[in-house]
Amino acid sequence: MAADWTKEFVDDTPIEYILTVPAVWSDKAKSDTLWCASQAGFGPMEKIKLITEPEAAAVYTFTELPEYSVRKGEIFITCDAGGGTVDLTTYKVAADAPMLRVNEITEGDGGLCGSVYLNRRFEELVRKKIGKKLDALPKTTSLEAMSEIQRIFNEDIKPDFGTSDDQDKIYSIEIPPSIADDETTGVQDGNLIVTSDELKEVFDAVNRMIFQLIVGQIEKVQEAPGNLEVSAILLVGGFGSSEYLRKEIENHLIEIGEEIKVIQPVNAWSAVTRGAMLRALQGDIVETRIIRACYGITYRTLWDPDVHESIKHRRTAEKNKYGDEFSGKKPVKFPFYRTVTDLKNLVFTTNLLIYTGKGEAPYFKDNDCKVLATLKADLSSISPSEFELVTSASGDFYKVYYDIEMIFEAAISFRLLFKGKAMGEVGVDYGRR
């Protein structure tokens, strides 16, 4: 930007960085993304915003495209089919005016079945047809030929496939002239001929995985209380702009007896980017999110023989359950009590545990409870007069009380509270370095 304007202009202009991430990414993956962005010069991690891609796509489609609309109470699935991943999140519309507001009503899902896997399957098809002939060429020529074949597939064949009703349509790809014509392998007049039936096999293997994810979300909605039904599927992303994928999803829904409309907006490939900008201006549209794991800490408590087992004096202080609803307006608070003899040491660390099992979190910490991150609370800026001094026979000590708030948005954030007042961010170490 400094090259287009001036360094002084850039330095004096407030810039807000917004990154989009798949909703199904782990907490560590989201934190690592923020850390990498910060290291790249985007500013402090706490100043960079993360937005989930399904949320961004919904904002763009239902805010900027009047031909598509959802009404209060309706349920829709956002299917963001990108290059590497396919990310699904299901929302119920809480408000459609003056601004869109939604609640996440099931745990999202996703898989590694984006368009890059189409490329791999297409390369397998090409190698099955002319692999030996490509390998017989000089290495550089062979690599350049395969690169050009993939380029044509990405730019011409992939977006075109499914736009025509001609089931006998064929696609021609120019290949090195040194490869002789051969009808058995589809080489004709210096071109590799690929039929629609061959492409259908390439696409269908990946599409089936996407169908499974969609059906899984539909079943979760139907299993939820309240006789809920999905009314629409919002199909976005690079792969989500495929006409063939849209038609196949519609056909599959008919086969399983579901009357659900499939919305494929204009500019489906860029819906996430466009929506991210709108989301940054409008604020968070997701009022509640479904927690995908149990989080907690360990703490010491007085021994109660009617409650505690054997000699296990530690219990997981579970602060949420798998599937609970939370939002940025409903933080989880961890209260802490420490005793110190020296107020020069007011930096405390605590391990945040995660339990991803489907059932209730264990009463005691066990092998299924993993350390997700280390939280660091720094109270060294607080005046010593704020802490209670206790005199005892064994020596003087100070009582230190504070809280750590855990806030659920696109990424988890933490806030340090002392006597109910915010004291800044909490240091979080996911062990990335």
Protein backbone atom coordinates (compact mmCIF):
# COMPACT_ATOMS: atom_id res chain seq x y z
CA MET A 1 0.00 0.00 0.00
CA ALA A 2 2.86 2.35 0.74
CA ALA A 3 3.92 2.00 -2.90
CA ASP A 4 0.50 3.14 -4.13
CA TRP A 5 0.09 5.97 -1.60
CA THR A 6 2.67 7.18 0.88
CA LYS A 7 4.16 5.66 4.00
CA GLU A 8 2.86 8.58 6.06
CA PHE A 9 -0.68 8.02 4.74
CA VAL A 10 -0.56 4.31 5.55
CA ASP A 11 0.89 4.93 9.02
CA ASP A 12 -1.84 7.47 9.83
CA THR A 13 -4.73 5.37 8.48
CA PRO A 14 -6.43 2.92 10.88
CA ILE A 15 -6.36 -0.52 9.31
CA GLU A 16 -8.41 -3.43 10.59
CA TYR A 17 -7.38 -6.95 9.60
CA ILE A 18 -10.07 -9.61 9.24
CA LEU A 19 -9.22 -13.25 8.60
CA THR A 20 -11.69 -15.99 7.73
CA VAL A 21 -11.31 -19.54 9.02
CA PRO A 22 -13.30 -22.78 8.72
CA ALA A 23 -15.76 -23.12 11.60
CA VAL A 24 -14.55 -26.66 12.33
CA TRP A 25 -10.93 -25.64 12.93
CA SER A 26 -9.57 -26.41 16.36
CA ASP A 27 -8.89 -23.70 18.93
CA LYS A 28 -5.17 -24.20 18.42
CA ALA A 29 -5.45 -23.88 14.63
CA LYS A 30 -7.32 -20.59 15.00
CA SER A 31 -4.79 -19.31 17.52
CA ASP A 32 -1.92 -20.34 15.24
CA THR A 33 -3.54 -18.40 12.40
CA LEU A 34 -3.67 -15.28 14.56
CA TRP A 35 -0.08 -15.78 15.64
CA CYS A 36 1.15 -16.18 12.05
CA ALA A 37 -0.75 -13.05 11.00
CA SER A 38 0.77 -11.14 13.88
CA GLN A 39 4.25 -12.35 12.98
CA ALA A 40 3.61 -11.25 9.39
CA GLY A 41 3.08 -7.67 10.55
CA PHE A 42 -0.71 -7.49 10.90
CA GLY A 43 -0.41 -6.19 14.46
CA PRO A 44 -1.03 -7.69 17.91
CA MET A 45 -3.04 -10.91 17.96
CA GLU A 46 -5.81 -9.40 20.06
CA LYS A 47 -6.34 -6.70 17.40
CA ILE A 48 -6.85 -9.15 14.52
CA LYS A 49 -10.40 -10.43 14.00
CA LEU A 50 -11.34 -13.95 13.02
CA ILE A 51 -14.63 -14.68 11.27
CA THR A 52 -15.91 -18.15 10.43
CA GLU A 53 -16.41 -18.73 6.73
CA PRO A 54 -20.00 -20.04 6.92
CA GLU A 55 -21.00 -16.97 8.92
CA ALA A 56 -19.37 -14.62 6.42
CA ALA A 57 -21.09 -16.34 3.50
CA ALA A 58 -24.50 -16.05 5.17
CA VAL A 59 -23.99 -12.33 5.82
CA TYR A 60 -23.18 -11.63 2.17
CA THR A 61 -25.96 -13.74 0.66
CA PHE A 62 -28.86 -12.73 2.88
CA THR A 63 -27.81 -9.10 3.30
CA GLU A 64 -26.64 -8.06 -0.15
CA LEU A 65 -28.66 -10.28 -2.50
CA PRO A 66 -32.37 -9.36 -2.36
CA GLU A 67 -33.37 -12.35 -4.49
CA TYR A 68 -32.46 -14.59 -1.57
CA SER A 69 -34.02 -14.19 1.82
CA VAL A 70 -34.65 -16.09 5.03
CA ARG A 71 -37.36 -15.40 7.57
CA LYS A 72 -37.31 -15.49 11.32
CA GLY A 73 -37.56 -19.07 12.56
CA GLU A 74 -36.23 -20.67 9.38
CA ILE A 75 -33.26 -23.03 9.50
CA PHE A 76 -30.53 -23.13 6.87
CA ILE A 77 -27.28 -25.01 6.40
CA THR A 78 -24.26 -23.12 5.09
CA CYS A 79 -22.07 -25.42 3.00
CA ASP A 80 -18.76 -23.73 2.25
CA ALA A 81 -17.05 -25.97 -0.29
CA GLY A 82 -13.58 -24.59 -0.85
CA GLY A 83 -10.27 -25.79 -2.16
CA GLY A 84 -9.21 -28.07 0.67
CA THR A 85 -12.11 -28.34 3.09
CA VAL A 86 -15.88 -28.41 3.08
CA ASP A 87 -17.31 -26.64 6.13
CA LEU A 88 -20.94 -26.95 7.25
CA THR A 89 -22.76 -24.97 9.93
CA THR A 90 -26.50 -24.93 10.65
CA TYR A 91 -28.25 -21.77 11.78
CA LYS A 92 -31.74 -20.78 12.87
CA VAL A 93 -32.76 -17.23 12.01
CA ALA A 94 -33.36 -15.25 15.22
CA ALA A 95 -34.12 -11.99 13.40
CA ASP A 96 -34.32 -11.00 9.73
CA ALA A 97 -34.68 -7.24 10.23
CA PRO A 98 -33.31 -4.68 10.64
CA MET A 99 -30.21 -6.89 10.63
CA LEU A 100 -29.74 -10.62 10.24
CA ARG A 101 -29.26 -12.47 13.53
CA VAL A 102 -28.81 -16.24 13.78
CA ASN A 103 -28.28 -18.98 16.34
CA GLU A 104 -26.14 -22.03 15.70
CA ILE A 105 -28.40 -24.98 16.55
CA THR A 106 -26.24 -28.05 15.90
CA GLU A 107 -22.57 -28.83 16.06
CA GLY A 108 -20.99 -27.98 12.72
CA ASP A 109 -19.11 -30.52 10.66
CA GLY A 110 -16.59 -30.60 7.87
CA GLY A 111 -14.19 -32.74 5.92
CA LEU A 112 -11.26 -32.83 3.57
CA CYS A 113 -13.30 -33.06 0.39
CA GLY A 114 -12.73 -29.73 -1.34
CA SER A 115 -11.86 -29.17 -4.98
CA VAL A 116 -8.20 -30.06 -4.50
CA TYR A 117 -9.39 -33.66 -4.19
CA LEU A 118 -11.08 -33.30 -7.58
CA ASN A 119 -7.68 -32.31 -8.95
CA ARG A 120 -6.09 -35.41 -7.46
CA ARG A 121 -8.75 -37.69 -8.90
CA PHE A 122 -8.50 -35.97 -12.28
CA GLU A 123 -4.74 -36.44 -12.27
CA GLU A 124 -5.31 -40.13 -11.52
CA LEU A 125 -7.62 -40.28 -14.54
CA VAL A 126 -5.04 -38.59 -16.78
CA ARG A 127 -2.29 -40.91 -15.60
CA LYS A 128 -4.52 -43.91 -16.17
CA LYS A 129 -5.04 -42.77 -19.75
CA ILE A 130 -1.61 -41.44 -20.76
CA GLY A 131 0.61 -41.78 -17.69
CA LYS A 132 3.13 -44.07 -19.35
CA LYS A 133 3.41 -41.76 -22.35
CA LEU A 134 3.95 -38.73 -20.12
CA ASP A 135 6.63 -40.58 -18.15
CA ALA A 136 8.45 -41.40 -21.39
CA LEU A 137 8.94 -37.71 -22.10
CA PRO A 138 11.84 -35.67 -20.70
CA LYS A 139 11.11 -34.88 -17.05
CA THR A 140 10.72 -31.14 -17.58
CA THR A 141 8.38 -31.66 -20.52
CA SER A 142 6.32 -34.17 -18.56
CA LEU A 143 5.95 -31.89 -15.55
CA GLU A 144 5.04 -28.89 -17.71
CA ALA A 145 2.48 -30.98 -19.59
CA MET A 146 0.77 -32.17 -16.39
CA SER A 147 0.80 -28.62 -15.01
CA GLU A 148 -0.90 -27.34 -18.17
CA ILE A 149 -3.46 -30.17 -18.06
CA GLN A 150 -4.32 -29.26 -14.46
CA ARG A 151 -4.59 -25.57 -15.38
CA ILE A 152 -7.10 -26.34 -18.11
CA PHE A 153 -9.05 -28.56 -15.74
CA ASN A 154 -9.19 -25.81 -13.10
CA GLU A 155 -9.95 -22.87 -15.35
CA ASP A 156 -12.07 -24.43 -18.10
CA ILE A 157 -13.39 -27.90 -17.38
CA LYS A 158 -14.20 -27.75 -13.68
CA PRO A 159 -16.41 -24.62 -13.82
CA ASP A 160 -18.05 -25.71 -17.10
CA PHE A 161 -18.91 -29.28 -16.17
CA GLY A 162 -22.59 -29.58 -15.37
CA THR A 163 -23.65 -26.35 -17.09
CA SER A 164 -24.82 -28.26 -20.18
CA ASP A 165 -27.56 -30.88 -20.43
CA ASP A 166 -25.53 -32.65 -23.11
CA GLN A 167 -24.47 -35.85 -21.35
CA ASP A 168 -22.26 -36.81 -24.31
CA LYS A 169 -20.20 -33.62 -24.19
CA ILE A 170 -16.48 -34.18 -24.48
CA TYR A 171 -13.55 -32.01 -23.43
CA SER A 172 -10.29 -31.67 -25.35
CA ILE A 173 -6.98 -30.89 -23.67
CA GLU A 174 -3.92 -30.07 -25.73
CA ILE A 175 -0.96 -32.32 -24.91
CA PRO A 176 2.64 -32.48 -26.19
CA PRO A 177 2.65 -33.27 -29.94
CA SER A 178 5.21 -36.01 -29.37
CA ILE A 179 2.45 -38.16 -27.84
CA ALA A 180 1.03 -40.14 -30.74
CA ASP A 181 -2.69 -40.50 -31.41
CA ASP A 182 -4.22 -43.53 -29.76
CA GLU A 183 -8.00 -44.12 -29.67
CA THR A 184 -7.68 -46.59 -26.80
CA THR A 185 -6.32 -43.88 -24.49
CA GLY A 186 -8.33 -40.97 -25.89
CA VAL A 187 -5.49 -39.19 -27.70
CA GLN A 188 -6.73 -37.62 -30.90
CA ASP A 189 -5.16 -34.94 -33.11
CA GLY A 190 -2.73 -33.89 -30.37
CA ASN A 191 -5.46 -33.64 -27.74
CA LEU A 192 -6.50 -35.75 -24.78
CA ILE A 193 -10.22 -36.45 -24.97
CA VAL A 194 -12.10 -36.64 -21.68
CA THR A 195 -15.76 -37.72 -21.72
CA SER A 196 -18.56 -36.52 -19.47
CA ASP A 197 -18.88 -40.03 -18.03
CA GLU A 198 -15.22 -39.96 -17.01
CA LEU A 199 -15.63 -36.57 -15.38
CA LYS A 200 -18.76 -37.77 -13.61
CA GLU A 201 -16.70 -40.48 -11.91
CA VAL A 202 -14.12 -37.88 -10.88
CA PHE A 203 -16.74 -35.56 -9.36
CA ASP A 204 -19.08 -38.13 -7.85
CA ALA A 205 -16.48 -39.69 -5.55
CA VAL A 206 -15.92 -36.29 -3.90
CA ASN A 207 -19.57 -35.27 -4.06
CA ARG A 208 -20.60 -38.36 -2.09
CA MET A 209 -18.51 -37.20 0.86
CA ILE A 210 -20.21 -33.79 0.73
CA PHE A 211 -23.64 -35.47 0.60
CA GLN A 212 -22.80 -37.40 3.76
CA LEU A 213 -21.88 -34.19 5.57
CA ILE A 214 -25.11 -32.48 4.47
CA VAL A 215 -27.29 -35.43 5.45
CA GLY A 216 -25.52 -35.54 8.80
CA GLN A 217 -26.51 -31.93 9.49
CA ILE A 218 -30.10 -32.56 8.40
CA GLU A 219 -30.34 -35.55 10.73
CA LYS A 220 -28.95 -33.54 13.66
CA VAL A 221 -31.63 -30.90 13.11
CA GLN A 222 -34.39 -33.51 12.91
CA GLU A 223 -33.14 -35.19 16.09
CA ALA A 224 -33.20 -31.90 18.02
CA PRO A 225 -36.30 -31.08 20.10
CA GLY A 226 -39.01 -28.94 18.55
CA ASN A 227 -39.80 -30.76 15.26
CA LEU A 228 -37.29 -28.64 13.38
CA GLU A 229 -36.79 -28.83 9.61
CA VAL A 230 -34.13 -27.42 7.31
CA SER A 231 -35.57 -25.05 4.71
CA ALA A 232 -32.47 -24.16 2.69
CA ILE A 233 -28.85 -25.05 1.98
CA LEU A 234 -26.54 -22.14 1.16
CA LEU A 235 -23.83 -23.39 -1.19
CA VAL A 236 -20.75 -21.15 -1.41
CA GLY A 237 -17.00 -21.30 -1.91
CA GLY A 238 -14.82 -22.02 -4.92
CA PHE A 239 -16.07 -25.58 -5.32
CA GLY A 240 -19.47 -24.43 -4.11
CA SER A 241 -19.85 -22.43 -7.33
CA SER A 242 -19.87 -25.69 -9.32
CA GLU A 243 -23.11 -26.10 -11.23
CA TYR A 244 -22.68 -29.87 -11.25
CA LEU A 245 -22.32 -29.98 -7.46
CA ARG A 246 -25.49 -27.89 -7.04
CA LYS A 247 -27.52 -30.12 -9.35
CA GLU A 248 -26.27 -33.29 -7.67
CA ILE A 249 -27.13 -31.98 -4.20
CA GLU A 250 -30.64 -31.13 -5.41
CA ASN A 251 -31.03 -34.60 -6.97
CA HIS A 252 -29.77 -36.29 -3.83
CA LEU A 253 -32.20 -34.34 -1.64
CA ILE A 254 -35.07 -35.46 -3.88
CA GLU A 255 -33.90 -39.07 -3.62
CA ILE A 256 -33.99 -39.00 0.18
CA GLY A 257 -37.37 -37.25 0.21
CA GLU A 258 -36.24 -33.82 1.46
CA GLU A 259 -37.86 -30.66 0.09
CA ILE A 260 -34.97 -28.28 0.71
CA LYS A 261 -34.02 -25.50 -1.67
CA VAL A 262 -30.35 -25.11 -2.61
CA ILE A 263 -29.17 -21.51 -2.82
CA GLN A 264 -26.07 -20.89 -4.92
CA PRO A 265 -25.58 -17.11 -4.92
CA VAL A 266 -23.96 -15.06 -7.63
CA ASN A 267 -20.25 -14.85 -6.89
CA ALA A 268 -20.50 -17.96 -4.71
CA TRP A 269 -16.72 -18.33 -4.98
CA SER A 270 -16.16 -14.93 -3.31
CA ALA A 271 -19.12 -14.90 -0.91
CA VAL A 272 -16.88 -15.54 2.10
CA THR A 273 -14.54 -12.63 1.34
CA ARG A 274 -17.39 -10.23 0.62
CA GLY A 275 -19.27 -11.34 3.71
CA ALA A 276 -16.21 -10.94 5.92
CA MET A 277 -16.04 -7.24 5.08
CA LEU A 278 -19.75 -6.77 5.78
CA ARG A 279 -19.49 -8.76 9.01
CA ALA A 280 -16.68 -6.50 10.21
CA LEU A 281 -18.90 -3.45 9.65
CA GLN A 282 -22.11 -4.92 11.07
CA GLY A 283 -20.73 -6.85 14.03
CA ASP A 284 -21.33 -10.42 15.11
CA ILE A 285 -24.53 -11.88 13.65
CA VAL A 286 -24.27 -15.17 15.56
CA GLU A 287 -26.02 -14.76 18.89
CA THR A 288 -25.25 -18.25 20.20
CA ARG A 289 -22.74 -20.91 19.19
CA ILE A 290 -22.61 -24.62 19.93
CA ILE A 291 -19.55 -25.60 21.97
CA ARG A 292 -17.65 -28.48 20.40
CA ALA A 293 -15.80 -29.62 23.53
CA CYS A 294 -15.77 -29.45 27.33
CA TYR A 295 -13.32 -26.98 28.86
CA GLY A 296 -12.18 -26.84 32.44
CA ILE A 297 -9.37 -26.50 34.95
CA THR A 298 -8.24 -28.52 37.96
CA TYR A 299 -8.55 -27.20 41.47
CA ARG A 300 -8.01 -28.30 45.06
CA THR A 301 -10.96 -28.61 47.40
CA LEU A 302 -11.66 -29.88 50.89
CA TRP A 303 -11.82 -33.64 51.16
CA ASP A 304 -15.33 -35.10 51.35
CA PRO A 305 -15.34 -38.91 51.75
CA ASP A 306 -18.92 -39.06 50.44
CA VAL A 307 -17.90 -37.38 47.18
CA HIS A 308 -14.26 -37.97 46.43
CA GLU A 309 -12.69 -41.20 45.34
CA SER A 310 -9.73 -42.87 47.02
CA ILE A 311 -6.75 -40.50 47.20
CA LYS A 312 -7.66 -38.45 44.14
CA HIS A 313 -7.83 -34.93 45.48
CA ARG A 314 -8.12 -33.24 42.09
CA ARG A 315 -11.27 -32.74 40.13
CA THR A 316 -11.88 -31.14 36.77
CA ALA A 317 -13.73 -27.88 37.30
CA GLU A 318 -15.98 -28.24 34.29
CA LYS A 319 -17.22 -24.86 33.07
CA ASN A 320 -19.25 -26.01 30.11
CA LYS A 321 -20.62 -29.18 28.56
CA TYR A 322 -20.27 -30.46 25.00
CA GLY A 323 -23.13 -28.99 22.97
CA ASP A 324 -23.84 -26.07 25.33
CA GLU A 325 -24.80 -22.75 23.76
CA PHE A 326 -22.54 -19.77 24.36
CA SER A 327 -21.91 -16.38 22.83
CA GLY A 328 -19.75 -13.32 23.19
CA LYS A 329 -22.46 -11.96 25.50
CA LYS A 330 -22.35 -15.05 27.71
CA PRO A 331 -18.75 -15.55 28.87
CA VAL A 332 -17.65 -18.34 31.18
CA LYS A 333 -15.97 -17.18 34.37
CA PHE A 334 -13.24 -19.10 36.21
CA PRO A 335 -12.76 -17.77 39.79
CA PHE A 336 -9.24 -18.12 41.24
CA TYR A 337 -7.86 -17.85 44.76
CA ARG A 338 -4.14 -17.80 45.45
CA THR A 339 -1.97 -17.18 48.50
CA VAL A 340 1.42 -15.52 48.16
CA THR A 341 4.04 -14.33 50.59
CA ASP A 342 5.75 -12.04 48.10
CA LEU A 343 3.75 -9.53 46.07
CA LYS A 344 6.63 -9.26 43.62
CA ASN A 345 5.47 -12.56 42.14
CA LEU A 346 1.94 -11.92 40.85
CA VAL A 347 2.09 -13.82 37.55
CA PHE A 348 0.06 -17.04 37.72
CA THR A 349 -0.27 -19.83 35.17
CA THR A 350 -3.05 -22.36 34.83
CA ASN A 351 -3.56 -25.22 32.39
CA LEU A 352 -6.81 -25.07 30.42
CA LEU A 353 -8.04 -28.63 29.84
CA ILE A 354 -10.19 -29.90 27.00
CA TYR A 355 -12.35 -33.01 26.87
CA THR A 356 -13.75 -33.81 23.43
CA GLY A 357 -15.71 -36.95 24.28
CA LYS A 358 -19.42 -36.99 23.57
CA GLY A 359 -20.47 -37.71 27.14
CA GLU A 360 -20.19 -35.72 30.33
CA ALA A 361 -16.73 -34.55 31.28
CA PRO A 362 -15.12 -36.82 33.91
CA TYR A 363 -15.37 -35.83 37.56
CA PHE A 364 -11.63 -36.34 37.91
CA LYS A 365 -8.92 -35.51 35.41
CA ASP A 366 -8.17 -38.63 33.37
CA ASN A 367 -6.29 -39.61 30.20
CA ASP A 368 -9.05 -38.17 28.00
CA CYS A 369 -8.51 -34.67 29.43
CA LYS A 370 -5.76 -32.97 27.48
CA VAL A 371 -4.00 -29.68 28.10
CA LEU A 372 -5.23 -27.29 25.43
CA ALA A 373 -3.30 -24.20 26.48
CA THR A 374 -1.55 -22.50 29.36
CA LEU A 375 -3.20 -19.32 30.63
CA LYS A 376 -1.06 -16.61 32.19
CA ALA A 377 -2.65 -14.00 34.45
CA ASP A 378 -0.43 -11.02 35.29
CA LEU A 379 -1.60 -8.95 38.28
CA SER A 380 1.72 -7.18 38.84
CA SER A 381 0.24 -3.81 37.87
CA ILE A 382 -2.20 -3.88 40.79
CA SER A 383 -1.35 -1.88 43.91
CA PRO A 384 -0.26 -4.03 46.89
CA SER A 385 -2.88 -2.27 49.03
CA GLU A 386 -5.59 -4.06 47.03
CA PHE A 387 -4.63 -7.44 48.52
CA GLU A 388 -5.62 -8.65 51.99
CA LEU A 389 -2.73 -9.37 54.34
CA VAL A 390 -3.26 -12.30 56.70
CA THR A 391 -1.12 -12.84 59.77
CA SER A 392 -0.84 -16.41 61.00
CA ALA A 393 1.35 -18.50 63.27
CA SER A 394 3.10 -19.98 60.28
CA GLY A 395 3.83 -16.57 58.73
CA ASP A 396 2.20 -13.69 56.91
CA PHE A 397 0.64 -14.12 53.46
CA TYR A 398 -1.61 -12.27 51.04
CA LYS A 399 -4.93 -13.45 49.65
CA VAL A 400 -5.20 -12.96 45.89
CA TYR A 401 -8.61 -13.27 44.20
CA TYR A 402 -9.17 -12.82 40.46
CA ASP A 403 -11.27 -14.18 37.61
CA ILE A 404 -10.53 -15.29 34.08
CA GLU A 405 -13.36 -14.90 31.59
CA MET A 406 -13.56 -17.20 28.59
CA ILE A 407 -15.41 -15.64 25.65
CA PHE A 408 -16.75 -17.75 22.77
CA GLU A 409 -16.82 -16.09 19.36
CA ALA A 410 -15.21 -17.23 16.11
CA ALA A 411 -12.15 -17.90 18.27
CA ILE A 412 -11.90 -18.22 22.03
CA SER A 413 -10.55 -15.20 23.87
CA PHE A 414 -9.76 -14.63 27.54
CA ARG A 415 -10.02 -11.61 29.81
CA LEU A 416 -8.52 -10.98 33.24
CA LEU A 417 -10.82 -9.52 35.91
CA PHE A 418 -9.85 -8.16 39.33
CA LYS A 419 -12.65 -7.16 41.67
CA GLY A 420 -15.00 -7.24 38.72
CA LYS A 421 -12.96 -4.86 36.59
CA ALA A 422 -11.19 -5.83 33.37
CA MET A 423 -7.41 -5.80 33.72
CA GLY A 424 -6.54 -6.69 30.14
CA GLU A 425 -5.95 -9.79 28.08
CA VAL A 426 -4.80 -13.14 29.42
CA GLY A 427 -1.64 -14.62 27.95
CA VAL A 428 -2.47 -17.86 26.12
CA ASP A 429 0.21 -20.36 25.08
CA TYR A 430 -0.91 -23.23 22.85
CA GLY A 431 2.62 -24.56 22.70
CA ARG A 432 3.17 -23.62 19.07
CA ARG A 433 6.80 -22.60 19.49
